[in-house]
PDB file of N, CA and C in Angstrom:
ATOM      1  N   MET A   1      77.563 107.730  89.606  1.00  0.00           N
ATOM      2  CA  MET A   1      78.453 106.675  90.006  1.00  0.00           C
ATOM      3  C   MET A   1      77.931 106.073  91.308  1.00  0.00           C
ATOM      4  N   VAL A   2      77.992 104.762  91.383  1.00  0.00           N
ATOM      5  CA  VAL A   2      77.586 104.047  92.589  1.00  0.00           C
ATOM      6  C   VAL A   2      78.776 103.246  93.085  1.00  0.00           C
ATOM      7  N   CYS A   3      78.954 103.285  94.398  1.00  0.00           N
ATOM      8  CA  CYS A   3      80.058 102.540  95.012  1.00  0.00           C
ATOM      9  C   CYS A   3      79.491 101.634  96.091  1.00  0.00           C
ATOM     10  N   GLU A   4      80.065 100.457  96.195  1.00  0.00           N
ATOM     11  CA  GLU A   4      79.680  99.521  97.246  1.00  0.00           C
ATOM     12  C   GLU A   4      80.939  98.878  97.794  1.00  0.00           C
ATOM     13  N   ILE A   5      80.835  98.367  99.010  1.00  0.00           N
ATOM     14  CA  ILE A   5      81.988  97.694  99.590  1.00  0.00           C
ATOM     15  C   ILE A   5      82.401  96.570  98.651  1.00  0.00           C
ATOM     16  N   ALA A   6      83.682  96.543  98.324  1.00  0.00           N
ATOM     17  CA  ALA A   6      84.195  95.557  97.371  1.00  0.00           C
ATOM     18  C   ALA A   6      84.041  94.151  97.939  1.00  0.00           C
ATOM     19  N   ARG A   7      83.536  93.261  97.109  1.00  0.00           N
ATOM     20  CA  ARG A   7      83.344  91.860  97.497  1.00  0.00           C
ATOM     21  C   ARG A   7      84.067  90.968  96.514  1.00  0.00           C
ATOM     22  N   GLY A   8      84.340  89.770  96.946  1.00  0.00           N
ATOM     23  CA  GLY A   8      84.966  88.797  96.054  1.00  0.00           C
ATOM     24  C   GLY A   8      86.370  89.182  95.633  1.00  0.00           C
ATOM     25  N   LEU A   9      87.077  89.868  96.516  1.00  0.00           N
ATOM     26  CA  LEU A   9      88.449  90.237  96.177  1.00  0.00           C
ATOM     27  C   LEU A   9      89.336  88.997  96.148  1.00  0.00           C
ATOM     28  N   GLU A  10      90.308  89.027  95.296  1.00  0.00           N
ATOM     29  CA  GLU A  10      91.282  87.950  95.213  1.00  0.00           C
ATOM     30  C   GLU A  10      92.170  87.988  96.457  1.00  0.00           C
ATOM     31  N   PRO A  11      92.684  86.835  96.872  1.00  0.00           N
ATOM     32  CA  PRO A  11      93.586  86.818  98.033  1.00  0.00           C
ATOM     33  C   PRO A  11      94.752  87.799  97.905  1.00  0.00           C
ATOM     34  N   ALA A  12      95.290  87.943  96.711  1.00  0.00           N
ATOM     35  CA  ALA A  12      96.407  88.871  96.509  1.00  0.00           C
ATOM     36  C   ALA A  12      95.978  90.316  96.754  1.00  0.00           C
ATOM     37  N   GLN A  13      94.743  90.659  96.342  1.00  0.00           N
ATOM     38  CA  GLN A  13      94.235  92.008  96.589  1.00  0.00           C
ATOM     39  C   GLN A  13      94.072  92.258  98.080  1.00  0.00           C
ATOM     40  N   LEU A  14      93.516  91.265  98.783  1.00  0.00           N
ATOM     41  CA  LEU A  14      93.362  91.396 100.233  1.00  0.00           C
ATOM     42  C   LEU A  14      94.716  91.544 100.911  1.00  0.00           C
ATOM     43  N   ASP A  15      95.695  90.786 100.461  1.00  0.00           N
ATOM     44  CA  ASP A  15      97.037  90.891 101.026  1.00  0.00           C
ATOM     45  C   ASP A  15      97.613  92.286 100.819  1.00  0.00           C
ATOM     46  N   GLU A  16      97.380  92.860  99.644  1.00  0.00           N
ATOM     47  CA  GLU A  16      97.871  94.217  99.359  1.00  0.00           C
ATOM     48  C   GLU A  16      97.220  95.233 100.298  1.00  0.00           C
ATOM     49  N   ILE A  17      95.910  95.103 100.503  1.00  0.00           N
ATOM     50  CA  ILE A  17      95.188  96.033 101.383  1.00  0.00           C
ATOM     51  C   ILE A  17      95.652  95.863 102.828  1.00  0.00           C
ATOM     52  N   LYS A  18      95.789  94.628 103.268  1.00  0.00           N
ATOM     53  CA  LYS A  18      96.281  94.371 104.630  1.00  0.00           C
ATOM     54  C   LYS A  18      97.699  94.914 104.792  1.00  0.00           C
ATOM     55  N   GLY A  19      98.518  94.771 103.768  1.00  0.00           N
ATOM     56  CA  GLY A  19      99.873  95.307 103.803  1.00  0.00           C
ATOM     57  C   GLY A  19      99.870  96.815 103.934  1.00  0.00           C
ATOM     58  N   LEU A  20      98.958  97.474 103.204  1.00  0.00           N
ATOM     59  CA  LEU A  20      98.823  98.929 103.292  1.00  0.00           C
ATOM     60  C   LEU A  20      98.422  99.337 104.706  1.00  0.00           C
ATOM     61  N   GLU A  21      97.471  98.606 105.285  1.00  0.00           N
ATOM     62  CA  GLU A  21      97.042  98.908 106.649  1.00  0.00           C
ATOM     63  C   GLU A  21      98.207  98.756 107.630  1.00  0.00           C
ATOM     64  N   SER A  22      98.956  97.691 107.471  1.00  0.00           N
ATOM     65  CA  SER A  22     100.096  97.437 108.352  1.00  0.00           C
ATOM     66  C   SER A  22     101.164  98.517 108.183  1.00  0.00           C
ATOM     67  N   GLU A  23     101.432  98.871 106.937  1.00  0.00           N
ATOM     68  CA  GLU A  23     102.462  99.865 106.611  1.00  0.00           C
ATOM     69  C   GLU A  23     102.101 101.257 107.135  1.00  0.00           C
ATOM     70  N   THR A  24     100.827 101.630 107.015  1.00  0.00           N
ATOM     71  CA  THR A  24     100.411 102.993 107.350  1.00  0.00           C
ATOM     72  C   THR A  24      99.811 103.123 108.743  1.00  0.00           C
ATOM     73  N   GLY A  25      99.381 102.000 109.336  1.00  0.00           N
ATOM     74  CA  GLY A  25      98.697 102.072 110.626  1.00  0.00           C
ATOM     75  C   GLY A  25      97.261 102.545 110.504  1.00  0.00           C
ATOM     76  N   LEU A  26      96.732 102.578 109.274  1.00  0.00           N
ATOM     77  CA  LEU A  26      95.355 103.035 109.024  1.00  0.00           C
ATOM     78  C   LEU A  26      94.447 101.833 108.794  1.00  0.00           C
ATOM     79  N   THR A  27      93.167 102.022 109.056  1.00  0.00           N
ATOM     80  CA  THR A  27      92.154 101.039 108.686  1.00  0.00           C
ATOM     81  C   THR A  27      91.597 101.480 107.341  1.00  0.00           C
ATOM     82  N   VAL A  28      91.533 100.561 106.388  1.00  0.00           N
ATOM     83  CA  VAL A  28      91.131 100.907 105.020  1.00  0.00           C
ATOM     84  C   VAL A  28      89.911 100.090 104.612  1.00  0.00           C
ATOM     85  N   VAL A  29      88.936 100.766 104.019  1.00  0.00           N
ATOM     86  CA  VAL A  29      87.754 100.111 103.464  1.00  0.00           C
ATOM     87  C   VAL A  29      87.854 100.227 101.944  1.00  0.00           C
ATOM     88  N   ALA A  30      87.651  99.103 101.247  1.00  0.00           N
ATOM     89  CA  ALA A  30      87.749  99.071  99.786  1.00  0.00           C
ATOM     90  C   ALA A  30      86.353  99.129  99.172  1.00  0.00           C
ATOM     91  N   PHE A  31      86.199  99.999  98.192  1.00  0.00           N
ATOM     92  CA  PHE A  31      84.942 100.152  97.473  1.00  0.00           C
ATOM     93  C   PHE A  31      85.156  99.887  95.994  1.00  0.00           C
ATOM     94  N   ALA A  32      84.186  99.229  95.380  1.00  0.00           N
ATOM     95  CA  ALA A  32      84.154  99.050  93.926  1.00  0.00           C
ATOM     96  C   ALA A  32      83.106 100.030  93.400  1.00  0.00           C
ATOM     97  N   CYS A  33      83.491 100.834  92.427  1.00  0.00           N
ATOM     98  CA  CYS A  33      82.595 101.872  91.903  1.00  0.00           C
ATOM     99  C   CYS A  33      82.340 101.646  90.418  1.00  0.00           C
ATOM    100  N   ARG A  34      81.160 102.044  89.988  1.00  0.00           N
ATOM    101  CA  ARG A  34      80.829 101.965  88.565  1.00  0.00           C
ATOM    102  C   ARG A  34      79.821 103.060  88.230  1.00  0.00           C
ATOM    103  N   SER A  35      79.800 103.412  86.967  1.00  0.00           N
ATOM    104  CA  SER A  35      78.873 104.432  86.490  1.00  0.00           C
ATOM    105  C   SER A  35      77.538 103.801  86.138  1.00  0.00           C
ATOM    106  N   LEU A  36      76.486 104.558  86.338  1.00  0.00           N
ATOM    107  CA  LEU A  36      75.136 104.143  85.934  1.00  0.00           C
ATOM    108  C   LEU A  36      74.617 105.133  84.922  1.00  0.00           C
ATOM    109  N   ASP A  37      73.598 104.730  84.179  1.00  0.00           N
ATOM    110  CA  ASP A  37      72.989 105.714  83.295  1.00  0.00           C
ATOM    111  C   ASP A  37      72.323 106.758  84.185  1.00  0.00           C
ATOM    112  N   PRO A  38      72.212 108.002  83.724  1.00  0.00           N
ATOM    113  CA  PRO A  38      71.730 109.105  84.568  1.00  0.00           C
ATOM    114  C   PRO A  38      70.369 108.859  85.229  1.00  0.00           C
ATOM    115  N   ALA A  39      69.439 108.235  84.550  1.00  0.00           N
ATOM    116  CA  ALA A  39      68.111 107.998  85.136  1.00  0.00           C
ATOM    117  C   ALA A  39      68.201 107.028  86.314  1.00  0.00           C
ATOM    118  N   ARG A  40      68.949 105.961  86.151  1.00  0.00           N
ATOM    119  CA  ARG A  40      69.113 104.990  87.252  1.00  0.00           C
ATOM    120  C   ARG A  40      69.857 105.617  88.427  1.00  0.00           C
ATOM    121  N   GLU A  41      70.864 106.420  88.121  1.00  0.00           N
ATOM    122  CA  GLU A  41      71.635 107.057  89.187  1.00  0.00           C
ATOM    123  C   GLU A  41      70.756 108.020  89.989  1.00  0.00           C
ATOM    124  N   GLU A  42      69.887 108.741  89.300  1.00  0.00           N
ATOM    125  CA  GLU A  42      68.980 109.673  89.982  1.00  0.00           C
ATOM    126  C   GLU A  42      68.033 108.913  90.915  1.00  0.00           C
ATOM    127  N   ARG A  43      67.480 107.786  90.459  1.00  0.00           N
ATOM    128  CA  ARG A  43      66.591 106.981  91.309  1.00  0.00           C
ATOM    129  C   ARG A  43      67.340 106.411  92.510  1.00  0.00           C
ATOM    130  N   LEU A  44      68.553 105.943  92.277  1.00  0.00           N
ATOM    131  CA  LEU A  44      69.357 105.393  93.360  1.00  0.00           C
ATOM    132  C   LEU A  44      69.704 106.467  94.389  1.00  0.00           C
ATOM    133  N   THR A  45      70.057 107.649  93.937  1.00  0.00           N
ATOM    134  CA  THR A  45      70.376 108.751  94.836  1.00  0.00           C
ATOM    135  C   THR A  45      69.174 109.102  95.700  1.00  0.00           C
ATOM    136  N   ALA A  46      67.997 109.135  95.115  1.00  0.00           N
ATOM    137  CA  ALA A  46      66.777 109.434  95.877  1.00  0.00           C
ATOM    138  C   ALA A  46      66.524 108.353  96.931  1.00  0.00           C
ATOM    139  N   LEU A  47      66.715 107.104  96.555  1.00  0.00           N
ATOM    140  CA  LEU A  47      66.525 106.002  97.493  1.00  0.00           C
ATOM    141  C   LEU A  47      67.533 106.076  98.633  1.00  0.00           C
ATOM    142  N   GLN A  48      68.776 106.382  98.311  1.00  0.00           N
ATOM    143  CA  GLN A  48      69.805 106.485  99.347  1.00  0.00           C
ATOM    144  C   GLN A  48      69.488 107.611 100.334  1.00  0.00           C
ATOM    145  N   ARG A  49      68.938 108.702  99.836  1.00  0.00           N
ATOM    146  CA  ARG A  49      68.545 109.798 100.739  1.00  0.00           C
ATOM    147  C   ARG A  49      67.466 109.333 101.705  1.00  0.00           C
ATOM    148  N   GLU A  50      66.558 108.488 101.223  1.00  0.00           N
ATOM    149  CA  GLU A  50      65.470 107.971 102.069  1.00  0.00           C
ATOM    150  C   GLU A  50      65.980 107.042 103.158  1.00  0.00           C
ATOM    151  N   ILE A  51      66.862 106.116 102.801  1.00  0.00           N
ATOM    152  CA  ILE A  51      67.279 105.102 103.774  1.00  0.00           C
ATOM    153  C   ILE A  51      68.489 105.516 104.596  1.00  0.00           C
ATOM    154  N   GLY A  52      69.204 106.518 104.172  1.00  0.00           N
ATOM    155  CA  GLY A  52      70.361 106.979 104.923  1.00  0.00           C
ATOM    156  C   GLY A  52      71.605 106.179 104.595  1.00  0.00           C
ATOM    157  N   PRO A  53      72.715 106.578 105.196  1.00  0.00           N
ATOM    158  CA  PRO A  53      73.982 105.912 104.874  1.00  0.00           C
ATOM    159  C   PRO A  53      74.012 104.469 105.369  1.00  0.00           C
ATOM    160  N   MET A  54      74.646 103.621 104.591  1.00  0.00           N
ATOM    161  CA  MET A  54      74.765 102.215 104.952  1.00  0.00           C
ATOM    162  C   MET A  54      76.018 101.970 105.790  1.00  0.00           C
ATOM    163  N   LEU A  55      77.025 102.787 105.607  1.00  0.00           N
ATOM    164  CA  LEU A  55      78.267 102.654 106.350  1.00  0.00           C
ATOM    165  C   LEU A  55      78.580 104.019 106.939  1.00  0.00           C
ATOM    166  N   VAL A  56      78.667 104.071 108.241  1.00  0.00           N
ATOM    167  CA  VAL A  56      78.990 105.333 108.895  1.00  0.00           C
ATOM    168  C   VAL A  56      80.335 105.146 109.580  1.00  0.00           C
ATOM    169  N   ALA A  57      81.314 105.882 109.132  1.00  0.00           N
ATOM    170  CA  ALA A  57      82.647 105.810 109.713  1.00  0.00           C
ATOM    171  C   ALA A  57      83.302 107.178 109.570  1.00  0.00           C
ATOM    172  N   ALA A  58      84.016 107.561 110.598  1.00  0.00           N
ATOM    173  CA  ALA A  58      84.738 108.833 110.543  1.00  0.00           C
ATOM    174  C   ALA A  58      85.980 108.657 109.668  1.00  0.00           C
ATOM    175  N   PRO A  59      86.261 109.629 108.828  1.00  0.00           N
ATOM    176  CA  PRO A  59      87.458 109.507 107.997  1.00  0.00           C
ATOM    177  C   PRO A  59      88.718 109.659 108.838  1.00  0.00           C
ATOM    178  N   ALA A  60      89.751 108.948 108.447  1.00  0.00           N
ATOM    179  CA  ALA A  60      91.067 109.123 109.067  1.00  0.00           C
ATOM    180  C   ALA A  60      91.689 110.381 108.479  1.00  0.00           C
ATOM    181  N   GLN A  61      92.744 110.827 109.080  1.00  0.00           N
ATOM    182  CA  GLN A  61      93.469 111.996 108.581  1.00  0.00           C
ATOM    183  C   GLN A  61      94.875 111.546 108.164  1.00  0.00           C
ATOM    184  N   PRO A  62      94.979 110.905 106.994  1.00  0.00           N
ATOM    185  CA  PRO A  62      96.286 110.393 106.576  1.00  0.00           C
ATOM    186  C   PRO A  62      97.269 111.523 106.267  1.00  0.00           C
ATOM    187  N   THR A  63      98.537 111.232 106.475  1.00  0.00           N
ATOM    188  CA  THR A  63      99.576 112.177 106.086  1.00  0.00           C
ATOM    189  C   THR A  63      99.666 112.197 104.561  1.00  0.00           C
ATOM    190  N   ASP A  64     100.402 113.148 104.034  1.00  0.00           N
ATOM    191  CA  ASP A  64     100.587 113.201 102.578  1.00  0.00           C
ATOM    192  C   ASP A  64     101.242 111.923 102.069  1.00  0.00           C
ATOM    193  N   GLU A  65     102.187 111.397 102.822  1.00  0.00           N
ATOM    194  CA  GLU A  65     102.873 110.161 102.430  1.00  0.00           C
ATOM    195  C   GLU A  65     101.900 108.975 102.429  1.00  0.00           C
ATOM    196  N   GLN A  66     101.069 108.879 103.478  1.00  0.00           N
ATOM    197  CA  GLN A  66     100.082 107.794 103.542  1.00  0.00           C
ATOM    198  C   GLN A  66      99.081 107.922 102.399  1.00  0.00           C
ATOM    199  N   LEU A  67      98.641 109.149 102.133  1.00  0.00           N
ATOM    200  CA  LEU A  67      97.678 109.374 101.054  1.00  0.00           C
ATOM    201  C   LEU A  67      98.265 108.986  99.697  1.00  0.00           C
ATOM    202  N   ALA A  68      99.529 109.297  99.489  1.00  0.00           N
ATOM    203  CA  ALA A  68     100.181 108.924  98.232  1.00  0.00           C
ATOM    204  C   ALA A  68     100.209 107.400  98.089  1.00  0.00           C
ATOM    205  N   ARG A  69     100.480 106.715  99.170  1.00  0.00           N
ATOM    206  CA  ARG A  69     100.523 105.238  99.141  1.00  0.00           C
ATOM    207  C   ARG A  69      99.133 104.668  98.867  1.00  0.00           C
ATOM    208  N   ILE A  70      98.087 105.269  99.474  1.00  0.00           N
ATOM    209  CA  ILE A  70      96.699 104.837  99.232  1.00  0.00           C
ATOM    210  C   ILE A  70      96.361 105.012  97.754  1.00  0.00           C
ATOM    211  N   ARG A  71      96.686 106.167  97.212  1.00  0.00           N
ATOM    212  CA  ARG A  71      96.381 106.435  95.794  1.00  0.00           C
ATOM    213  C   ARG A  71      97.119 105.475  94.869  1.00  0.00           C
ATOM    214  N   GLU A  72      98.352 105.160  95.224  1.00  0.00           N
ATOM    215  CA  GLU A  72      99.139 104.215  94.427  1.00  0.00           C
ATOM    216  C   GLU A  72      98.457 102.842  94.385  1.00  0.00           C
ATOM    217  N   LEU A  73      97.993 102.383  95.561  1.00  0.00           N
ATOM    218  CA  LEU A  73      97.339 101.078  95.602  1.00  0.00           C
ATOM    219  C   LEU A  73      95.965 101.122  94.935  1.00  0.00           C
ATOM    220  N   GLU A  74      95.250 102.243  95.046  1.00  0.00           N
ATOM    221  CA  GLU A  74      93.975 102.379  94.327  1.00  0.00           C
ATOM    222  C   GLU A  74      94.179 102.166  92.833  1.00  0.00           C
ATOM    223  N   ALA A  75      95.187 102.809  92.289  1.00  0.00           N
ATOM    224  CA  ALA A  75      95.462 102.694  90.852  1.00  0.00           C
ATOM    225  C   ALA A  75      95.832 101.259  90.486  1.00  0.00           C
ATOM    226  N   GLN A  76      96.596 100.622  91.351  1.00  0.00           N
ATOM    227  CA  GLN A  76      97.033  99.252  91.093  1.00  0.00           C
ATOM    228  C   GLN A  76      95.861  98.272  91.131  1.00  0.00           C
ATOM    229  N   LEU A  77      94.954  98.445  92.106  1.00  0.00           N
ATOM    230  CA  LEU A  77      93.853  97.495  92.293  1.00  0.00           C
ATOM    231  C   LEU A  77      92.577  97.859  91.531  1.00  0.00           C
ATOM    232  N   GLY A  78      92.460  99.112  91.094  1.00  0.00           N
ATOM    233  CA  GLY A  78      91.226  99.543  90.429  1.00  0.00           C
ATOM    234  C   GLY A  78      90.060  99.667  91.393  1.00  0.00           C
ATOM    235  N   LEU A  79      90.363 100.007  92.641  1.00  0.00           N
ATOM    236  CA  LEU A  79      89.346 100.179  93.684  1.00  0.00           C
ATOM    237  C   LEU A  79      89.474 101.561  94.289  1.00  0.00           C
ATOM    238  N   SER A  80      88.436 101.996  94.989  1.00  0.00           N
ATOM    239  CA  SER A  80      88.510 103.210  95.792  1.00  0.00           C
ATOM    240  C   SER A  80      88.770 102.781  97.221  1.00  0.00           C
ATOM    241  N   LEU A  81      89.843 103.293  97.807  1.00  0.00           N
ATOM    242  CA  LEU A  81      90.215 102.935  99.165  1.00  0.00           C
ATOM    243  C   LEU A  81      90.003 104.139 100.073  1.00  0.00           C
ATOM    244  N   VAL A  82      89.324 103.918 101.182  1.00  0.00           N
ATOM    245  CA  VAL A  82      89.013 104.998 102.118  1.00  0.00           C
ATOM    246  C   VAL A  82      89.595 104.636 103.471  1.00  0.00           C
ATOM    247  N   ALA A  83      90.429 105.517 104.011  1.00  0.00           N
ATOM    248  CA  ALA A  83      90.994 105.319 105.343  1.00  0.00           C
ATOM    249  C   ALA A  83      89.993 105.852 106.368  1.00  0.00           C
ATOM    250  N   VAL A  84      89.680 105.019 107.357  1.00  0.00           N
ATOM    251  CA  VAL A  84      88.700 105.409 108.375  1.00  0.00           C
ATOM    252  C   VAL A  84      89.299 105.252 109.767  1.00  0.00           C
ATOM    253  N   ARG A  85      88.686 105.939 110.717  1.00  0.00           N
ATOM    254  CA  ARG A  85      89.080 105.805 112.123  1.00  0.00           C
ATOM    255  C   ARG A  85      88.165 104.817 112.786  1.00  0.00           C
ATOM    256  N   LEU A  86      88.741 103.939 113.582  1.00  0.00           N
ATOM    257  CA  LEU A  86      87.928 103.019 114.370  1.00  0.00           C
ATOM    258  C   LEU A  86      87.422 103.776 115.588  1.00  0.00           C
ATOM    259  N   VAL A  87      86.208 103.480 115.980  1.00  0.00           N
ATOM    260  CA  VAL A  87      85.638 104.099 117.180  1.00  0.00           C
ATOM    261  C   VAL A  87      85.701 103.100 118.314  1.00  0.00           C
ATOM    262  N   ASP A  88      85.683 103.597 119.535  1.00  0.00           N
ATOM    263  CA  ASP A  88      85.696 102.701 120.703  1.00  0.00           C
ATOM    264  C   ASP A  88      84.546 101.722 120.612  1.00  0.00           C
ATOM    265  N   GLY A  89      84.842 100.485 120.941  1.00  0.00           N
ATOM    266  CA  GLY A  89      83.814  99.440 120.925  1.00  0.00           C
ATOM    267  C   GLY A  89      83.684  98.760 119.573  1.00  0.00           C
ATOM    268  N   ALA A  90      84.417  99.242 118.544  1.00  0.00           N
ATOM    269  CA  ALA A  90      84.342  98.593 117.228  1.00  0.00           C
ATOM    270  C   ALA A  90      85.164  97.319 117.265  1.00  0.00           C
ATOM    271  N   SER A  91      84.685  96.327 116.558  1.00  0.00           N
ATOM    272  CA  SER A  91      85.448  95.075 116.515  1.00  0.00           C
ATOM    273  C   SER A  91      85.852  94.746 115.108  1.00  0.00           C
TER     274      SER A  91
END
């Protein structure tokens, strides 16, 4: 499976994610994921090991209630949502 930052989201999807952030006080990154055939996935994994992570962010520590809300919106939008902590100096 390969995941990338979700692009081309509909305004309604963005509003839902922003609403979740406002409701929970968390910063959320949306990812779109898809499966690859095993040979392509193996090559991609090897390449990713070579170049390193593209997005480095510390995970947030959501409460059980916040996590339930994240999972609910993931199911609704068909995306993977990751709550992250902002670091000092991030804009």
